[in-house]
Amino acid sequence: MKEKHKHYRAHGREPIRFPRLREELFHSYADFKNAPPITFAIDGFLQNSGATLIAGLSGHSKTLIMLAIAKALLTSHGKKLWGHFDVLETAPRVLYLIPESGITPFKHRLRLFHLYHYVKEGRLLVRTLSKGPTPHLDDPQILAFAKEAHVFLDTIIRFRDGNENDAADNQQLANHIFELLRAGARTVVAAQHSPKAFDKEKVMTLENMVRGSTDIGAMVSTAWGLKQLDSQKNIIHIQNIKPRDFEPCGPFQIIGRPYINDEGHFRMYKKPGKCKPLAEELKNRGGASPEAREERAAKKAVLADVMRERLKATNNEIGKYYKEKTRKALKGGTLRRYLGEIRKEKS
């Protein structure tokens, strides 16, 4: 017998004397064989049986994007989120916990996204700060309602006791999120603020986008970073900053105005594959507002028409004809710059 035990130890194996204890502590081969494959509630975007983080600066539409995801889960099986990501299942229930907002402003947002009737039906369960203190995620009642539901935490930091930079406090938060998943939650979708310094960043990473210790980023299955590029049209640049078990799409952009007011949802502005990394998108946009860029393009279009009509006209003559067409004059330096750009574009 001793020789047999030596054989086990020599090959890195210990004799198994407690099979029942082993089954209690570890997964069996049968457990792995019968484990289901990875699935998505929203293909390539929202993975089931895990936590997904939505990270961005304060005021950059994290809550609106979370509501768009919730709406897709409640209504859009067989359709596409933002016209691109296939929605693969319809949620029987969504829990939306938002201790940062009162009931009145959140009611307005629910109506914007045409979600108000789901509250009446009991499929969208909402708790705001108007209902009382932030609930504990390990509350047996919360866990009971989380079963088979998609749970939204807006923002995740409100469900943690202590310091967001403290590893022990964040470990407790992670344990609570894992407990939601063990209770049967389909997904946990959590918003998290980015540090203020990200406002000047031109690249998107888990490290520069997620405020607090690295434990917050480590606990999630995937994370999406977002940055608002245009506040007037609410154009949002979105990029995956942590894929764990799948190959994510490239960056993309969605646009909110006027579509949220008119239609109750964002529209895709630049699809994956058509959108460039954040640094290039920022460079292409320059410092001018969208309205200023449109006005500039309109002026150059009129000048280009004048140049085609009067091929031999001097710069001063082109400026004169421009004023006749638009009843507005261009300053000499602006006129020369625009004409130079037009000629360079043609060459």
Protein backbone atom coordinates (compact mmCIF):
# COMPACT_ATOMS: atom_id res chain seq x y z
CA MET A 1 0.00 0.00 0.00
CA LYS A 2 2.84 2.39 0.89
CA GLU A 3 4.45 1.72 -2.49
CA LYS A 4 1.17 2.59 -4.16
CA HIS A 5 0.96 5.89 -2.25
CA LYS A 6 4.52 6.73 -3.28
CA HIS A 7 3.48 6.14 -6.89
CA TYR A 8 0.62 8.63 -6.53
CA ARG A 9 2.86 11.29 -4.99
CA ALA A 10 5.54 10.81 -7.62
CA HIS A 11 3.01 11.66 -10.31
CA GLY A 12 1.50 14.61 -8.45
CA ARG A 13 -1.54 12.65 -7.30
CA GLU A 14 -2.69 11.93 -3.79
CA PRO A 15 -4.70 8.82 -2.89
CA ILE A 16 -8.40 9.64 -2.84
CA ARG A 17 -9.74 8.56 0.53
CA PHE A 18 -12.79 10.86 0.73
CA PRO A 19 -14.80 10.69 -2.53
CA ARG A 20 -17.83 12.39 -0.98
CA LEU A 21 -15.73 15.31 0.26
CA ARG A 22 -14.18 15.61 -3.20
CA GLU A 23 -17.63 15.85 -4.80
CA GLU A 24 -18.63 18.54 -2.34
CA LEU A 25 -15.51 20.61 -2.94
CA PHE A 26 -14.79 20.15 -6.65
CA HIS A 27 -16.58 19.75 -9.96
CA SER A 28 -16.73 16.28 -11.40
CA TYR A 29 -16.01 15.35 -14.98
CA ALA A 30 -19.77 14.92 -15.44
CA ASP A 31 -20.31 18.49 -14.25
CA PHE A 32 -18.03 19.80 -17.00
CA LYS A 33 -19.52 17.48 -19.60
CA ASN A 34 -23.03 18.68 -18.84
CA ALA A 35 -22.17 22.38 -18.46
CA PRO A 36 -23.94 24.48 -21.13
CA PRO A 37 -21.92 26.46 -23.69
CA ILE A 38 -21.43 30.21 -23.45
CA THR A 39 -24.55 32.04 -24.59
CA PHE A 40 -25.48 35.66 -25.21
CA ALA A 41 -28.64 37.58 -24.49
CA ILE A 42 -27.46 40.08 -27.11
CA ASP A 43 -25.05 38.50 -29.57
CA GLY A 44 -21.51 39.81 -29.33
CA PHE A 45 -22.48 42.38 -26.71
CA LEU A 46 -24.19 41.00 -23.58
CA GLN A 47 -22.97 37.62 -22.32
CA ASN A 48 -25.23 35.47 -20.15
CA SER A 49 -24.18 34.17 -16.73
CA GLY A 50 -21.77 37.04 -16.18
CA ALA A 51 -21.43 40.70 -15.31
CA THR A 52 -21.05 43.41 -17.95
CA LEU A 53 -19.67 46.86 -17.12
CA ILE A 54 -20.65 50.09 -18.89
CA ALA A 55 -17.96 52.69 -18.11
CA GLY A 56 -17.93 56.38 -18.96
CA LEU A 57 -17.67 59.90 -17.64
CA SER A 58 -20.51 61.43 -15.67
CA GLY A 59 -23.05 62.96 -18.05
CA HIS A 60 -22.01 60.83 -21.04
CA SER A 61 -25.31 58.91 -21.29
CA LYS A 62 -24.48 55.73 -19.37
CA THR A 63 -28.04 55.52 -18.01
CA LEU A 64 -29.58 56.12 -21.44
CA ILE A 65 -27.46 53.32 -22.90
CA MET A 66 -28.43 51.03 -20.01
CA LEU A 67 -32.11 51.79 -20.70
CA ALA A 68 -31.58 51.03 -24.40
CA ILE A 69 -30.13 47.63 -23.45
CA ALA A 70 -33.01 46.97 -21.04
CA LYS A 71 -35.53 47.89 -23.74
CA ALA A 72 -33.89 45.51 -26.21
CA LEU A 73 -34.12 42.67 -23.68
CA LEU A 74 -37.77 43.37 -22.90
CA THR A 75 -39.02 43.91 -26.43
CA SER A 76 -36.68 42.93 -29.19
CA HIS A 77 -36.17 39.16 -29.49
CA GLY A 78 -35.38 38.54 -33.13
CA LYS A 79 -34.48 42.19 -33.69
CA LYS A 80 -31.22 44.11 -33.36
CA LEU A 81 -29.87 46.46 -30.71
CA TRP A 82 -28.93 49.70 -32.50
CA GLY A 83 -29.54 47.95 -35.80
CA HIS A 84 -26.47 45.73 -35.40
CA PHE A 85 -26.42 43.34 -32.41
CA ASP A 86 -28.91 40.45 -32.61
CA VAL A 87 -31.16 40.17 -29.55
CA LEU A 88 -31.32 36.42 -28.90
CA GLU A 89 -33.82 36.24 -26.04
CA THR A 90 -36.67 38.15 -24.47
CA ALA A 91 -36.30 38.87 -20.77
CA PRO A 92 -39.17 37.75 -18.55
CA ARG A 93 -38.11 40.44 -16.09
CA VAL A 94 -35.61 43.27 -15.66
CA LEU A 95 -34.54 44.66 -12.27
CA TYR A 96 -33.31 48.24 -12.53
CA LEU A 97 -31.76 49.56 -9.31
CA ILE A 98 -30.76 53.23 -9.53
CA PRO A 99 -30.07 54.80 -6.14
CA GLU A 100 -28.52 57.87 -7.83
CA SER A 101 -31.86 59.12 -9.22
CA GLY A 102 -35.26 60.05 -7.85
CA ILE A 103 -38.46 58.62 -9.26
CA THR A 104 -39.53 61.76 -11.16
CA PRO A 105 -36.49 62.19 -13.46
CA PHE A 106 -36.28 58.44 -14.00
CA LYS A 107 -39.96 58.32 -14.95
CA HIS A 108 -39.16 60.89 -17.65
CA ARG A 109 -36.38 58.67 -19.02
CA LEU A 110 -38.61 55.59 -18.97
CA ARG A 111 -41.15 57.46 -21.06
CA LEU A 112 -38.49 58.67 -23.49
CA PHE A 113 -37.56 55.03 -24.20
CA HIS A 114 -41.19 53.83 -24.28
CA LEU A 115 -40.58 51.62 -21.25
CA TYR A 116 -43.26 52.97 -18.94
CA HIS A 117 -45.84 50.27 -19.70
CA TYR A 118 -43.40 47.52 -18.71
CA VAL A 119 -43.50 48.91 -15.17
CA LYS A 120 -47.28 48.52 -15.22
CA GLU A 121 -46.96 44.95 -16.52
CA GLY A 122 -44.52 44.06 -13.74
CA ARG A 123 -41.74 43.04 -16.12
CA LEU A 124 -39.62 46.10 -15.34
CA LEU A 125 -39.03 46.42 -11.59
CA VAL A 126 -37.44 49.75 -10.64
CA ARG A 127 -36.06 51.08 -7.37
CA THR A 128 -34.84 54.68 -7.13
CA LEU A 129 -33.58 56.69 -4.18
CA SER A 130 -37.19 57.81 -3.65
CA LYS A 131 -37.98 54.31 -2.40
CA GLY A 132 -35.44 54.47 0.41
CA PRO A 133 -31.82 53.51 1.13
CA THR A 134 -29.84 51.49 -1.38
CA PRO A 135 -30.81 47.81 -1.00
CA HIS A 136 -28.23 45.18 -0.15
CA LEU A 137 -27.60 42.91 -3.11
CA ASP A 138 -27.50 39.86 -0.84
CA ASP A 139 -30.98 40.61 0.48
CA PRO A 140 -32.99 37.36 0.09
CA GLN A 141 -35.87 39.31 -1.48
CA ILE A 142 -33.60 40.91 -4.08
CA LEU A 143 -32.08 37.51 -4.83
CA ALA A 144 -35.53 35.98 -5.26
CA PHE A 145 -36.55 38.61 -7.83
CA ALA A 146 -33.18 38.29 -9.58
CA LYS A 147 -33.87 34.69 -10.63
CA GLU A 148 -34.14 34.51 -14.44
CA ALA A 149 -33.98 38.33 -14.58
CA HIS A 150 -31.44 40.77 -15.97
CA VAL A 151 -30.20 42.98 -13.13
CA PHE A 152 -29.08 46.57 -13.81
CA LEU A 153 -27.01 48.45 -11.21
CA ASP A 154 -26.76 52.20 -11.86
CA THR A 155 -24.14 52.88 -10.68
CA ILE A 156 -22.22 49.94 -9.25
CA ILE A 157 -20.36 52.08 -6.72
CA ARG A 158 -23.62 52.75 -4.82
CA PHE A 159 -23.83 49.06 -3.90
CA ARG A 160 -20.46 48.93 -2.18
CA ASP A 161 -19.70 49.78 1.43
CA GLY A 162 -16.41 51.52 2.17
CA ASN A 163 -13.77 52.86 -0.21
CA GLU A 164 -13.88 52.18 -3.96
CA ASN A 165 -10.08 51.94 -3.96
CA ASP A 166 -10.03 49.36 -1.17
CA ALA A 167 -9.54 45.81 -2.43
CA ALA A 168 -11.38 44.23 0.52
CA ASP A 169 -14.46 46.44 0.03
CA ASN A 170 -14.51 45.68 -3.69
CA GLN A 171 -14.16 41.96 -3.00
CA GLN A 172 -17.34 42.16 -0.95
CA LEU A 173 -19.06 43.88 -3.87
CA ALA A 174 -17.80 41.16 -6.22
CA ASN A 175 -19.16 38.49 -3.90
CA HIS A 176 -22.59 40.14 -3.95
CA ILE A 177 -22.61 40.30 -7.77
CA PHE A 178 -21.58 36.64 -7.97
CA GLU A 179 -24.36 35.84 -5.50
CA LEU A 180 -26.88 37.45 -7.85
CA LEU A 181 -25.61 35.22 -10.65
CA ARG A 182 -25.72 32.12 -8.42
CA ALA A 183 -29.30 33.03 -7.55
CA GLY A 184 -30.16 32.68 -11.24
CA ALA A 185 -29.77 36.18 -12.70
CA ARG A 186 -29.29 35.94 -16.45
CA THR A 187 -26.87 38.87 -16.45
CA VAL A 188 -25.75 41.72 -14.23
CA VAL A 189 -25.25 44.99 -16.12
CA ALA A 190 -23.49 47.67 -14.08
CA ALA A 191 -22.62 51.30 -14.84
CA GLN A 192 -19.40 52.75 -13.48
CA HIS A 193 -18.03 56.29 -13.58
CA SER A 194 -14.72 56.96 -15.29
CA PRO A 195 -12.14 59.14 -13.52
CA LYS A 196 -12.24 62.81 -14.52
CA ALA A 197 -8.78 62.48 -16.07
CA PHE A 198 -10.28 60.30 -18.82
CA ASP A 199 -11.82 63.42 -20.35
CA LYS A 200 -8.41 64.20 -21.90
CA GLU A 201 -7.59 60.62 -22.93
CA LYS A 202 -7.51 59.56 -26.57
CA VAL A 203 -7.38 55.80 -25.99
CA MET A 204 -9.87 53.60 -24.15
CA THR A 205 -8.58 50.93 -21.75
CA LEU A 206 -9.93 49.17 -18.70
CA GLU A 207 -7.28 50.88 -16.59
CA ASN A 208 -8.02 54.47 -17.61
CA MET A 209 -11.80 54.14 -17.87
CA VAL A 210 -12.87 52.36 -14.67
CA ARG A 211 -12.68 54.42 -11.48
CA GLY A 212 -11.51 52.66 -8.34
CA SER A 213 -9.25 49.67 -7.82
CA THR A 214 -8.57 47.13 -10.55
CA ASP A 215 -10.78 44.66 -8.66
CA ILE A 216 -13.87 46.33 -10.17
CA GLY A 217 -12.70 45.58 -13.70
CA ALA A 218 -11.53 42.12 -12.74
CA MET A 219 -14.93 40.97 -11.48
CA VAL A 220 -16.78 41.44 -14.79
CA SER A 221 -16.93 39.16 -17.81
CA THR A 222 -16.79 42.04 -20.24
CA ALA A 223 -16.66 45.82 -20.18
CA TRP A 224 -17.67 48.48 -22.69
CA GLY A 225 -16.22 51.99 -22.53
CA LEU A 226 -18.05 55.00 -23.89
CA LYS A 227 -17.24 58.64 -24.58
CA GLN A 228 -19.58 61.37 -25.78
CA LEU A 229 -18.11 63.10 -28.84
CA ASP A 230 -20.96 65.49 -29.57
CA SER A 231 -23.22 66.77 -26.79
CA GLN A 232 -25.67 68.45 -29.18
CA LYS A 233 -26.45 65.31 -31.16
CA ASN A 234 -25.41 62.99 -28.33
CA ILE A 235 -23.00 60.97 -30.45
CA ILE A 236 -21.42 58.27 -28.29
CA HIS A 237 -18.22 56.40 -29.16
CA ILE A 238 -18.32 52.84 -27.73
CA GLN A 239 -15.50 50.32 -27.56
CA ASN A 240 -14.99 46.99 -25.83
CA ILE A 241 -12.29 47.41 -23.18
CA LYS A 242 -12.43 43.90 -21.71
CA PRO A 243 -13.45 40.75 -23.56
CA ARG A 244 -13.02 37.58 -21.55
CA ASP A 245 -14.63 34.74 -23.49
CA PHE A 246 -15.38 36.12 -26.96
CA GLU A 247 -13.89 38.15 -29.77
CA PRO A 248 -15.56 41.58 -29.62
CA CYS A 249 -16.45 43.82 -32.51
CA GLY A 250 -14.50 46.97 -33.25
CA PRO A 251 -15.46 50.41 -31.95
CA PHE A 252 -18.74 51.93 -33.09
CA GLN A 253 -20.83 55.05 -32.52
CA ILE A 254 -24.50 55.65 -31.77
CA ILE A 255 -26.49 58.88 -32.00
CA GLY A 256 -29.25 59.99 -29.64
CA ARG A 257 -30.71 63.20 -31.04
CA PRO A 258 -33.30 63.54 -32.40
CA TYR A 259 -34.04 59.82 -32.37
CA ILE A 260 -34.61 59.23 -28.65
CA ASN A 261 -37.27 61.96 -28.58
CA ASP A 262 -38.80 60.94 -31.91
CA GLU A 263 -38.48 57.14 -31.84
CA GLY A 264 -37.54 56.12 -28.29
CA HIS A 265 -34.07 54.76 -29.06
CA PHE A 266 -30.55 55.49 -30.27
CA ARG A 267 -29.58 54.85 -33.88
CA MET A 268 -26.31 53.44 -35.14
CA TYR A 269 -24.13 56.31 -36.38
CA LYS A 270 -20.96 54.44 -37.37
CA LYS A 271 -20.99 50.65 -37.47
CA PRO A 272 -18.10 48.42 -36.34
CA GLY A 273 -15.66 48.28 -39.22
CA LYS A 274 -16.60 51.78 -40.36
CA CYS A 275 -15.61 53.48 -37.10
CA LYS A 276 -11.97 54.17 -36.27
CA PRO A 277 -10.27 54.08 -32.83
CA LEU A 278 -11.03 56.98 -30.52
CA ALA A 279 -7.80 58.91 -31.25
CA GLU A 280 -8.48 58.96 -35.00
CA GLU A 281 -12.14 59.84 -34.53
CA LEU A 282 -11.18 62.77 -32.29
CA LYS A 283 -8.57 63.92 -34.80
CA ASN A 284 -11.04 63.76 -37.69
CA ARG A 285 -13.64 65.71 -35.75
CA GLY A 286 -11.22 68.52 -34.88
CA GLY A 287 -12.14 71.17 -32.36
CA ALA A 288 -15.17 72.65 -34.14
CA SER A 289 -18.74 71.81 -33.29
CA PRO A 290 -20.85 69.79 -35.76
CA GLU A 291 -22.84 72.94 -36.59
CA ALA A 292 -19.67 74.90 -37.35
CA ARG A 293 -18.36 72.10 -39.58
CA GLU A 294 -21.66 71.98 -41.47
CA GLU A 295 -21.63 75.76 -41.96
CA ARG A 296 -18.04 75.63 -43.20
CA ALA A 297 -18.90 72.84 -45.66
CA ALA A 298 -21.88 74.82 -46.97
CA LYS A 299 -19.73 77.90 -47.59
CA LYS A 300 -17.12 75.86 -49.43
CA ALA A 301 -19.84 74.25 -51.56
CA VAL A 302 -21.04 77.68 -52.71
CA LEU A 303 -17.46 78.74 -53.46
CA ALA A 304 -16.89 75.55 -55.45
CA ASP A 305 -19.98 76.31 -57.54
CA VAL A 306 -18.70 79.84 -58.24
CA MET A 307 -15.30 78.45 -59.27
CA ARG A 308 -16.96 76.06 -61.74
CA GLU A 309 -19.13 78.81 -63.19
CA ARG A 310 -16.30 81.32 -63.51
CA LEU A 311 -13.13 79.39 -64.28
CA LYS A 312 -10.94 82.46 -64.85
CA ALA A 313 -12.15 84.55 -61.91
CA THR A 314 -9.62 85.88 -59.43
CA ASN A 315 -9.93 85.27 -55.71
CA ASN A 316 -11.40 88.74 -55.19
CA GLU A 317 -13.93 88.21 -57.98
CA ILE A 318 -14.92 84.81 -56.52
CA GLY A 319 -15.46 86.54 -53.17
CA LYS A 320 -17.65 89.16 -54.85
CA TYR A 321 -19.78 86.55 -56.61
CA TYR A 322 -20.06 84.58 -53.34
CA LYS A 323 -21.46 87.69 -51.64
CA GLU A 324 -23.99 88.14 -54.45
CA LYS A 325 -25.20 84.54 -54.03
CA THR A 326 -25.36 84.42 -50.22
CA ARG A 327 -25.67 88.12 -49.30
CA LYS A 328 -22.82 87.51 -46.89
CA ALA A 329 -19.15 88.40 -47.26
CA LEU A 330 -16.14 86.26 -46.39
CA LYS A 331 -13.09 87.86 -44.82
CA GLY A 332 -10.01 87.86 -47.04
CA GLY A 333 -8.07 85.33 -44.97
CA THR A 334 -11.03 82.96 -44.67
CA LEU A 335 -11.75 83.23 -48.40
CA ARG A 336 -8.15 82.43 -49.34
CA ARG A 337 -8.05 79.47 -46.92
CA TYR A 338 -11.29 77.98 -48.24
CA LEU A 339 -10.24 78.43 -51.87
CA GLY A 340 -6.88 76.83 -51.13
CA GLU A 341 -8.58 73.84 -49.51
CA ILE A 342 -10.97 73.43 -52.47
CA ARG A 343 -8.12 73.51 -55.00
CA LYS A 344 -6.09 71.05 -52.95
CA GLU A 345 -9.08 68.68 -52.75
CA LYS A 346 -9.46 68.81 -56.54
CA SER A 347 -5.77 68.16 -57.29
